[in-house]
N, C-alpha and C. Protein backbone atom coordinates (compact mmCIF):
# COMPACT_ATOMS: atom_id res chain seq x y z
N MET A 1 0.84 -1.18 0.00
CA MET A 1 0.00 0.00 0.00
C MET A 1 0.89 1.25 0.00
N SER A 2 0.53 2.23 -0.81
CA SER A 2 1.30 3.47 -0.90
C SER A 2 0.80 4.51 0.10
N LYS A 3 1.72 5.34 0.54
CA LYS A 3 1.36 6.46 1.42
C LYS A 3 0.95 7.66 0.59
N CYS A 4 -0.05 8.39 1.09
CA CYS A 4 -0.49 9.64 0.48
C CYS A 4 -0.34 10.74 1.51
N ALA A 5 -0.14 11.96 1.04
CA ALA A 5 -0.02 13.11 1.94
C ALA A 5 -0.91 14.24 1.44
N ALA A 6 -1.58 14.88 2.37
CA ALA A 6 -2.35 16.10 2.09
C ALA A 6 -1.61 17.25 2.74
N ILE A 7 -1.09 18.14 1.94
CA ILE A 7 -0.31 19.28 2.43
C ILE A 7 -1.25 20.37 2.91
N GLN A 8 -0.96 20.90 4.09
CA GLN A 8 -1.67 22.08 4.59
C GLN A 8 -0.65 23.20 4.70
N MET A 9 -1.03 24.38 4.22
CA MET A 9 -0.14 25.53 4.31
C MET A 9 -0.95 26.81 4.31
N ALA A 10 -0.36 27.85 4.87
CA ALA A 10 -1.00 29.17 4.89
C ALA A 10 -0.34 29.99 3.79
N SER A 11 -0.98 30.03 2.63
CA SER A 11 -0.42 30.75 1.48
C SER A 11 -0.50 32.25 1.68
N SER A 12 0.41 32.95 1.02
CA SER A 12 0.53 34.40 1.13
C SER A 12 0.36 35.04 -0.25
N PRO A 13 0.50 36.36 -0.35
CA PRO A 13 0.44 37.03 -1.65
C PRO A 13 1.72 36.87 -2.49
N SER A 14 2.73 36.15 -1.97
CA SER A 14 3.99 35.98 -2.68
C SER A 14 4.11 34.57 -3.28
N VAL A 15 4.02 34.48 -4.61
CA VAL A 15 4.13 33.18 -5.27
C VAL A 15 5.46 32.52 -4.93
N GLY A 16 6.55 33.27 -4.98
CA GLY A 16 7.87 32.71 -4.70
C GLY A 16 7.96 32.10 -3.31
N SER A 17 7.48 32.81 -2.31
CA SER A 17 7.49 32.29 -0.93
C SER A 17 6.62 31.05 -0.80
N ASN A 18 5.48 31.07 -1.45
CA ASN A 18 4.57 29.92 -1.37
C ASN A 18 5.17 28.69 -2.04
N LEU A 19 5.85 28.87 -3.16
CA LEU A 19 6.48 27.73 -3.82
C LEU A 19 7.63 27.18 -2.97
N LEU A 20 8.36 28.06 -2.31
CA LEU A 20 9.42 27.62 -1.40
C LEU A 20 8.83 26.76 -0.27
N GLU A 21 7.75 27.25 0.33
CA GLU A 21 7.11 26.52 1.42
C GLU A 21 6.53 25.19 0.93
N ALA A 22 5.86 25.22 -0.21
CA ALA A 22 5.31 23.98 -0.77
C ALA A 22 6.43 22.98 -1.05
N GLY A 23 7.55 23.47 -1.56
CA GLY A 23 8.68 22.59 -1.83
C GLY A 23 9.20 21.91 -0.58
N LYS A 24 9.30 22.66 0.51
CA LYS A 24 9.75 22.08 1.79
C LYS A 24 8.77 21.02 2.28
N LEU A 25 7.48 21.32 2.19
CA LEU A 25 6.47 20.39 2.68
C LEU A 25 6.38 19.14 1.81
N ILE A 26 6.54 19.30 0.51
CA ILE A 26 6.56 18.14 -0.39
C ILE A 26 7.78 17.28 -0.08
N ALA A 27 8.93 17.91 0.15
CA ALA A 27 10.15 17.15 0.50
C ALA A 27 9.94 16.35 1.79
N GLU A 28 9.31 16.95 2.78
CA GLU A 28 9.03 16.24 4.05
C GLU A 28 8.11 15.05 3.82
N ALA A 29 7.07 15.27 3.02
CA ALA A 29 6.12 14.19 2.75
C ALA A 29 6.79 13.06 1.98
N ALA A 30 7.62 13.40 1.01
CA ALA A 30 8.33 12.38 0.24
C ALA A 30 9.30 11.62 1.13
N LYS A 31 10.00 12.33 2.00
CA LYS A 31 10.94 11.68 2.92
C LYS A 31 10.21 10.71 3.85
N ALA A 32 8.96 11.03 4.19
CA ALA A 32 8.15 10.17 5.05
C ALA A 32 7.53 9.00 4.27
N GLY A 33 7.78 8.95 2.97
CA GLY A 33 7.32 7.82 2.18
C GLY A 33 6.10 8.06 1.31
N ALA A 34 5.58 9.28 1.27
CA ALA A 34 4.40 9.56 0.45
C ALA A 34 4.76 9.46 -1.04
N LYS A 35 3.88 8.82 -1.79
CA LYS A 35 4.07 8.70 -3.24
C LYS A 35 3.02 9.50 -4.01
N LEU A 36 1.95 9.88 -3.32
CA LEU A 36 0.91 10.74 -3.89
C LEU A 36 0.73 11.89 -2.91
N ILE A 37 0.93 13.12 -3.41
CA ILE A 37 0.90 14.30 -2.54
C ILE A 37 -0.08 15.32 -3.13
N ALA A 38 -1.01 15.76 -2.31
CA ALA A 38 -2.01 16.74 -2.74
C ALA A 38 -1.74 18.08 -2.08
N LEU A 39 -1.70 19.12 -2.88
CA LEU A 39 -1.56 20.50 -2.41
C LEU A 39 -2.94 21.14 -2.31
N PRO A 40 -3.09 22.15 -1.46
CA PRO A 40 -4.41 22.78 -1.29
C PRO A 40 -4.77 23.76 -2.42
N GLU A 41 -6.03 24.09 -2.47
CA GLU A 41 -6.50 25.14 -3.37
C GLU A 41 -5.73 26.42 -3.05
N ASN A 42 -5.35 27.16 -4.06
CA ASN A 42 -4.64 28.44 -3.92
C ASN A 42 -3.29 28.29 -3.19
N PHE A 43 -2.64 27.15 -3.31
CA PHE A 43 -1.36 26.96 -2.63
C PHE A 43 -0.30 27.95 -3.12
N ALA A 44 -0.35 28.35 -4.37
CA ALA A 44 0.68 29.23 -4.94
C ALA A 44 0.42 30.71 -4.68
N LEU A 45 -0.82 31.06 -4.35
CA LEU A 45 -1.14 32.47 -4.12
C LEU A 45 -2.44 32.60 -3.35
N MET A 46 -2.37 33.32 -2.27
CA MET A 46 -3.58 33.77 -1.58
C MET A 46 -3.46 35.29 -1.58
N GLY A 47 -4.06 35.90 -2.60
CA GLY A 47 -3.91 37.33 -2.80
C GLY A 47 -4.64 38.17 -1.77
N GLU A 48 -4.28 39.42 -1.72
CA GLU A 48 -4.97 40.35 -0.82
C GLU A 48 -6.28 40.82 -1.43
N HIS A 49 -6.37 40.73 -2.77
CA HIS A 49 -7.57 41.13 -3.50
C HIS A 49 -7.95 40.01 -4.47
N GLU A 50 -9.21 39.90 -4.74
CA GLU A 50 -9.73 38.82 -5.57
C GLU A 50 -9.05 38.77 -6.95
N LEU A 51 -8.69 39.92 -7.50
CA LEU A 51 -8.12 39.93 -8.85
C LEU A 51 -6.59 39.76 -8.86
N ASP A 52 -5.96 39.59 -7.71
CA ASP A 52 -4.50 39.38 -7.68
C ASP A 52 -4.09 38.16 -8.48
N LYS A 53 -4.94 37.15 -8.50
CA LYS A 53 -4.60 35.92 -9.23
C LYS A 53 -4.49 36.15 -10.74
N VAL A 54 -5.20 37.16 -11.24
CA VAL A 54 -5.14 37.46 -12.67
C VAL A 54 -3.73 37.96 -13.04
N LYS A 55 -3.09 38.68 -12.12
CA LYS A 55 -1.76 39.24 -12.38
C LYS A 55 -0.68 38.16 -12.49
N VAL A 56 -0.90 37.01 -11.87
CA VAL A 56 0.12 35.95 -11.88
C VAL A 56 -0.30 34.74 -12.70
N ARG A 57 -1.42 34.82 -13.41
CA ARG A 57 -1.89 33.68 -14.18
C ARG A 57 -0.85 33.28 -15.23
N GLU A 58 -0.86 32.01 -15.53
CA GLU A 58 0.12 31.47 -16.47
C GLU A 58 -0.58 30.86 -17.68
N PRO A 59 0.09 30.90 -18.84
CA PRO A 59 -0.45 30.19 -20.00
C PRO A 59 -0.44 28.69 -19.72
N ASN A 60 -1.36 27.98 -20.32
CA ASN A 60 -1.42 26.53 -20.13
C ASN A 60 -0.10 25.89 -20.55
N GLY A 61 0.53 25.16 -19.64
CA GLY A 61 1.74 24.42 -19.96
C GLY A 61 3.05 25.14 -19.74
N GLU A 62 3.01 26.39 -19.29
CA GLU A 62 4.28 27.11 -19.05
C GLU A 62 4.14 28.12 -17.93
N GLY A 63 5.26 28.45 -17.34
CA GLY A 63 5.27 29.43 -16.26
C GLY A 63 5.94 28.87 -15.03
N PRO A 64 6.31 29.74 -14.10
CA PRO A 64 7.08 29.30 -12.93
C PRO A 64 6.34 28.33 -12.01
N ILE A 65 5.04 28.47 -11.86
CA ILE A 65 4.30 27.54 -10.99
C ILE A 65 4.30 26.15 -11.61
N GLN A 66 3.98 26.07 -12.89
CA GLN A 66 3.92 24.78 -13.55
C GLN A 66 5.30 24.12 -13.66
N THR A 67 6.32 24.93 -13.89
CA THR A 67 7.69 24.40 -13.92
C THR A 67 8.06 23.84 -12.55
N PHE A 68 7.74 24.57 -11.49
CA PHE A 68 8.00 24.10 -10.14
C PHE A 68 7.33 22.75 -9.90
N LEU A 69 6.07 22.63 -10.27
CA LEU A 69 5.33 21.40 -10.04
C LEU A 69 5.95 20.23 -10.79
N SER A 70 6.27 20.42 -12.05
CA SER A 70 6.88 19.36 -12.85
C SER A 70 8.24 18.96 -12.28
N ASP A 71 9.08 19.94 -12.01
CA ASP A 71 10.42 19.67 -11.48
C ASP A 71 10.37 18.97 -10.12
N THR A 72 9.44 19.39 -9.26
CA THR A 72 9.34 18.84 -7.91
C THR A 72 8.82 17.41 -7.95
N ALA A 73 7.83 17.15 -8.79
CA ALA A 73 7.31 15.78 -8.92
C ALA A 73 8.42 14.85 -9.38
N LYS A 74 9.18 15.29 -10.35
CA LYS A 74 10.28 14.48 -10.88
C LYS A 74 11.40 14.32 -9.85
N LYS A 75 11.77 15.39 -9.18
CA LYS A 75 12.86 15.36 -8.19
C LYS A 75 12.60 14.35 -7.09
N TYR A 76 11.37 14.30 -6.59
CA TYR A 76 11.04 13.42 -5.48
C TYR A 76 10.35 12.12 -5.93
N ALA A 77 10.18 11.97 -7.25
CA ALA A 77 9.54 10.78 -7.82
C ALA A 77 8.18 10.53 -7.16
N VAL A 78 7.36 11.58 -7.12
CA VAL A 78 6.02 11.50 -6.53
C VAL A 78 4.98 12.00 -7.52
N TRP A 79 3.75 11.59 -7.31
CA TRP A 79 2.63 12.14 -8.03
C TRP A 79 2.14 13.35 -7.25
N LEU A 80 1.93 14.46 -7.96
CA LEU A 80 1.44 15.69 -7.33
C LEU A 80 0.06 16.04 -7.86
N VAL A 81 -0.85 16.31 -6.95
CA VAL A 81 -2.17 16.85 -7.29
C VAL A 81 -2.11 18.30 -6.81
N ALA A 82 -2.01 19.21 -7.75
CA ALA A 82 -1.68 20.60 -7.43
C ALA A 82 -2.92 21.46 -7.26
N GLY A 83 -3.59 21.29 -6.13
CA GLY A 83 -4.71 22.11 -5.68
C GLY A 83 -5.37 22.95 -6.75
N SER A 84 -4.95 24.19 -6.87
CA SER A 84 -5.40 25.03 -7.99
C SER A 84 -4.29 25.99 -8.38
N VAL A 85 -4.16 26.15 -9.69
CA VAL A 85 -3.15 27.03 -10.29
C VAL A 85 -3.90 28.03 -11.16
N PRO A 86 -3.60 29.33 -11.05
CA PRO A 86 -4.29 30.31 -11.90
C PRO A 86 -3.74 30.28 -13.33
N LEU A 87 -4.56 29.77 -14.24
CA LEU A 87 -4.17 29.71 -15.65
C LEU A 87 -4.99 30.70 -16.47
N VAL A 88 -4.45 31.06 -17.62
CA VAL A 88 -5.11 32.00 -18.52
C VAL A 88 -6.51 31.48 -18.87
N ALA A 89 -7.48 32.37 -18.85
CA ALA A 89 -8.87 32.05 -19.20
C ALA A 89 -9.21 32.69 -20.54
N ASN A 90 -10.40 32.44 -21.03
CA ASN A 90 -10.85 33.11 -22.25
C ASN A 90 -11.05 34.60 -22.01
N ALA A 91 -11.58 34.95 -20.84
CA ALA A 91 -11.79 36.36 -20.48
C ALA A 91 -10.47 36.95 -19.96
N ASP A 92 -10.14 38.15 -20.40
CA ASP A 92 -8.88 38.80 -20.01
C ASP A 92 -8.79 39.11 -18.52
N ASN A 93 -9.92 39.26 -17.85
CA ASN A 93 -9.93 39.66 -16.44
C ASN A 93 -10.21 38.49 -15.49
N LYS A 94 -10.01 37.26 -15.99
CA LYS A 94 -10.28 36.07 -15.17
C LYS A 94 -9.19 35.03 -15.34
N VAL A 95 -9.25 34.03 -14.46
CA VAL A 95 -8.35 32.88 -14.55
C VAL A 95 -9.20 31.61 -14.61
N ARG A 96 -8.55 30.53 -14.95
CA ARG A 96 -9.10 29.20 -14.76
C ARG A 96 -8.42 28.65 -13.51
N ALA A 97 -9.18 28.25 -12.53
CA ALA A 97 -8.63 27.62 -11.32
C ALA A 97 -8.42 26.15 -11.67
N ALA A 98 -7.20 25.82 -12.08
CA ALA A 98 -6.92 24.50 -12.63
C ALA A 98 -6.16 23.63 -11.64
N CYS A 99 -6.70 22.46 -11.38
CA CYS A 99 -5.98 21.46 -10.60
C CYS A 99 -5.16 20.66 -11.61
N LEU A 100 -3.85 20.73 -11.47
CA LEU A 100 -2.95 20.04 -12.39
C LEU A 100 -2.37 18.82 -11.70
N ILE A 101 -2.29 17.72 -12.44
CA ILE A 101 -1.78 16.48 -11.88
C ILE A 101 -0.52 16.09 -12.65
N TYR A 102 0.55 15.82 -11.88
CA TYR A 102 1.84 15.44 -12.45
C TYR A 102 2.21 14.05 -11.95
N ASN A 103 2.77 13.24 -12.85
CA ASN A 103 3.22 11.92 -12.43
C ASN A 103 4.63 11.99 -11.85
N ASP A 104 5.16 10.86 -11.46
CA ASP A 104 6.47 10.80 -10.80
C ASP A 104 7.64 11.07 -11.73
N LYS A 105 7.37 11.26 -13.01
CA LYS A 105 8.40 11.64 -13.98
C LYS A 105 8.35 13.14 -14.28
N GLY A 106 7.39 13.84 -13.64
CA GLY A 106 7.23 15.27 -13.86
C GLY A 106 6.36 15.62 -15.05
N GLU A 107 5.69 14.62 -15.61
CA GLU A 107 4.81 14.86 -16.76
C GLU A 107 3.41 15.21 -16.28
N ARG A 108 2.84 16.23 -16.90
CA ARG A 108 1.46 16.56 -16.54
C ARG A 108 0.54 15.54 -17.19
N VAL A 109 -0.28 14.89 -16.36
CA VAL A 109 -1.16 13.82 -16.85
C VAL A 109 -2.64 14.18 -16.72
N GLY A 110 -2.93 15.37 -16.21
CA GLY A 110 -4.32 15.76 -16.09
C GLY A 110 -4.48 17.22 -15.72
N ARG A 111 -5.61 17.76 -16.13
CA ARG A 111 -5.99 19.13 -15.77
C ARG A 111 -7.49 19.16 -15.56
N TYR A 112 -7.87 19.69 -14.42
CA TYR A 112 -9.28 19.88 -14.11
C TYR A 112 -9.50 21.35 -13.79
N ASP A 113 -10.42 21.99 -14.48
CA ASP A 113 -10.78 23.39 -14.22
C ASP A 113 -12.01 23.40 -13.31
N LYS A 114 -11.89 24.07 -12.17
CA LYS A 114 -12.95 24.10 -11.16
C LYS A 114 -14.29 24.45 -11.79
N VAL A 115 -15.27 23.61 -11.56
CA VAL A 115 -16.60 23.78 -12.15
C VAL A 115 -17.52 24.63 -11.27
N HIS A 116 -17.59 24.33 -9.99
CA HIS A 116 -18.54 25.00 -9.09
C HIS A 116 -17.85 26.14 -8.35
N LEU A 117 -18.20 27.35 -8.72
CA LEU A 117 -17.57 28.53 -8.12
C LEU A 117 -18.35 28.97 -6.89
N PHE A 118 -17.61 29.45 -5.91
CA PHE A 118 -18.20 29.85 -4.62
C PHE A 118 -18.70 31.28 -4.72
N ASP A 119 -19.96 31.43 -5.04
CA ASP A 119 -20.64 32.72 -5.08
C ASP A 119 -21.73 32.68 -4.02
N VAL A 120 -21.56 33.46 -2.97
CA VAL A 120 -22.53 33.39 -1.88
C VAL A 120 -22.64 34.72 -1.16
N SER A 121 -23.83 35.03 -0.73
CA SER A 121 -24.08 36.16 0.15
C SER A 121 -24.45 35.58 1.51
N VAL A 122 -23.75 36.00 2.55
CA VAL A 122 -23.99 35.49 3.89
C VAL A 122 -25.20 36.20 4.47
N PRO A 123 -26.23 35.43 4.84
CA PRO A 123 -27.46 36.05 5.37
C PRO A 123 -27.19 36.92 6.61
N ASP A 124 -27.92 37.99 6.70
CA ASP A 124 -27.87 38.91 7.85
C ASP A 124 -26.51 39.60 8.02
N THR A 125 -25.72 39.66 6.94
CA THR A 125 -24.43 40.38 6.98
C THR A 125 -24.24 41.07 5.62
N ASN A 126 -23.17 41.82 5.52
CA ASN A 126 -22.80 42.42 4.23
C ASN A 126 -21.75 41.59 3.51
N GLU A 127 -21.44 40.42 4.03
CA GLU A 127 -20.40 39.58 3.45
C GLU A 127 -20.86 38.92 2.16
N GLU A 128 -20.00 39.01 1.15
CA GLU A 128 -20.23 38.35 -0.12
C GLU A 128 -18.92 37.74 -0.61
N TYR A 129 -19.05 36.59 -1.21
CA TYR A 129 -17.90 35.95 -1.85
C TYR A 129 -18.31 35.65 -3.28
N ARG A 130 -17.49 36.08 -4.23
CA ARG A 130 -17.86 35.95 -5.63
C ARG A 130 -16.67 35.48 -6.45
N GLU A 131 -16.42 34.18 -6.41
CA GLU A 131 -15.33 33.65 -7.22
C GLU A 131 -15.54 33.93 -8.71
N SER A 132 -16.79 33.99 -9.13
CA SER A 132 -17.06 34.21 -10.55
C SER A 132 -16.60 35.59 -11.04
N ASP A 133 -16.27 36.49 -10.11
CA ASP A 133 -15.73 37.79 -10.52
C ASP A 133 -14.32 37.64 -11.09
N SER A 134 -13.61 36.61 -10.70
CA SER A 134 -12.22 36.46 -11.14
C SER A 134 -11.90 35.09 -11.72
N ILE A 135 -12.84 34.16 -11.64
CA ILE A 135 -12.58 32.80 -12.14
C ILE A 135 -13.62 32.43 -13.19
N GLU A 136 -13.14 31.86 -14.26
CA GLU A 136 -13.99 31.33 -15.33
C GLU A 136 -14.13 29.82 -15.07
N SER A 137 -15.35 29.35 -14.94
CA SER A 137 -15.53 27.95 -14.55
C SER A 137 -15.25 26.99 -15.69
N GLY A 138 -14.86 25.79 -15.28
CA GLY A 138 -14.74 24.69 -16.23
C GLY A 138 -16.10 24.05 -16.41
N ASP A 139 -16.15 22.96 -17.17
CA ASP A 139 -17.45 22.32 -17.39
C ASP A 139 -17.40 20.80 -17.41
N GLN A 140 -16.24 20.21 -17.09
CA GLN A 140 -16.11 18.76 -17.17
C GLN A 140 -15.42 18.18 -15.96
N PRO A 141 -15.97 17.12 -15.38
CA PRO A 141 -15.23 16.39 -14.35
C PRO A 141 -14.15 15.55 -15.03
N ILE A 142 -13.13 15.18 -14.28
CA ILE A 142 -12.14 14.25 -14.84
C ILE A 142 -11.82 13.18 -13.80
N VAL A 143 -11.47 12.03 -14.33
CA VAL A 143 -11.00 10.91 -13.53
C VAL A 143 -9.72 10.44 -14.18
N ILE A 144 -8.70 10.22 -13.36
CA ILE A 144 -7.38 9.86 -13.87
C ILE A 144 -6.98 8.50 -13.33
N ASP A 145 -6.44 7.66 -14.20
CA ASP A 145 -5.88 6.39 -13.77
C ASP A 145 -4.47 6.64 -13.25
N THR A 146 -4.21 6.17 -12.03
CA THR A 146 -2.90 6.32 -11.40
C THR A 146 -2.46 4.97 -10.85
N PRO A 147 -1.20 4.86 -10.45
CA PRO A 147 -0.76 3.61 -9.81
C PRO A 147 -1.49 3.34 -8.49
N PHE A 148 -2.19 4.35 -7.96
CA PHE A 148 -2.88 4.23 -6.67
C PHE A 148 -4.37 3.94 -6.85
N GLY A 149 -4.82 3.86 -8.10
CA GLY A 149 -6.22 3.65 -8.42
C GLY A 149 -6.76 4.82 -9.22
N ARG A 150 -8.04 4.77 -9.50
CA ARG A 150 -8.67 5.87 -10.25
C ARG A 150 -8.88 7.03 -9.30
N LEU A 151 -8.56 8.22 -9.78
CA LEU A 151 -8.60 9.42 -8.95
C LEU A 151 -9.53 10.44 -9.58
N GLY A 152 -10.65 10.73 -8.92
CA GLY A 152 -11.57 11.78 -9.36
C GLY A 152 -11.10 13.11 -8.78
N ILE A 153 -11.07 14.15 -9.61
CA ILE A 153 -10.51 15.43 -9.20
C ILE A 153 -11.63 16.44 -8.94
N ALA A 154 -11.52 17.15 -7.81
CA ALA A 154 -12.48 18.19 -7.45
C ALA A 154 -11.73 19.25 -6.65
N ILE A 155 -12.29 20.43 -6.60
CA ILE A 155 -11.71 21.53 -5.83
C ILE A 155 -12.78 22.11 -4.92
N CYS A 156 -12.53 22.09 -3.65
CA CYS A 156 -13.27 22.77 -2.60
C CYS A 156 -14.79 22.71 -2.77
N TYR A 157 -15.39 23.76 -3.27
CA TYR A 157 -16.85 23.91 -3.31
C TYR A 157 -17.52 22.83 -4.16
N ASP A 158 -16.77 22.20 -5.05
CA ASP A 158 -17.32 21.09 -5.83
C ASP A 158 -17.93 20.01 -4.94
N LEU A 159 -17.40 19.88 -3.72
CA LEU A 159 -17.88 18.84 -2.80
C LEU A 159 -19.37 18.98 -2.46
N ARG A 160 -19.92 20.15 -2.67
CA ARG A 160 -21.32 20.40 -2.32
C ARG A 160 -22.31 19.87 -3.38
N PHE A 161 -21.79 19.25 -4.44
CA PHE A 161 -22.63 18.85 -5.56
C PHE A 161 -22.49 17.36 -5.85
N PRO A 162 -23.33 16.53 -5.21
CA PRO A 162 -23.19 15.09 -5.35
C PRO A 162 -23.33 14.58 -6.79
N GLU A 163 -24.14 15.26 -7.60
CA GLU A 163 -24.30 14.80 -8.99
C GLU A 163 -22.99 14.89 -9.76
N PHE A 164 -22.14 15.81 -9.37
CA PHE A 164 -20.82 15.95 -9.99
C PHE A 164 -20.01 14.66 -9.79
N PHE A 165 -20.09 14.11 -8.58
CA PHE A 165 -19.34 12.90 -8.27
C PHE A 165 -19.99 11.66 -8.87
N ARG A 166 -21.28 11.69 -9.06
CA ARG A 166 -21.96 10.58 -9.74
C ARG A 166 -21.47 10.46 -11.18
N LYS A 167 -21.21 11.60 -11.82
CA LYS A 167 -20.68 11.59 -13.19
C LYS A 167 -19.32 10.91 -13.26
N MET A 168 -18.53 11.10 -12.19
CA MET A 168 -17.21 10.48 -12.17
C MET A 168 -17.32 8.98 -12.07
């Protein structure tokens, strides 16, 4: 049986600092024997403003975040499920919140764009959360065959939609 690790981290507005921290935590998990490592949503950036992610979005298949993920998966010979990465969207003022999956050779073997965006108004308060202001949703679930079994990919709020998992 293989070990899996779920990384927890407090991401900041600095992509470089977050990648450094993620790298340390991935190294620890790999040293402990993990062969499948999952990073959290927004591991590379937790901006101060909703649109900060648009400033650091990367084209599909290139950029410092994706290079880090590929290199790190290969370096530690682990499978990485990379929470969410801000990738270029069709709209200029949005990103695709993409969960990227890399195998132990550093090859990207899957991409899932978050389908269910967290848009909510908290009753009896002025609080609102509107991911759709900065994220363009995906439209397809994905399931990936891995050495650990079939892996259905979801991000955070997707968990609230059982029909999504039935499709998988």
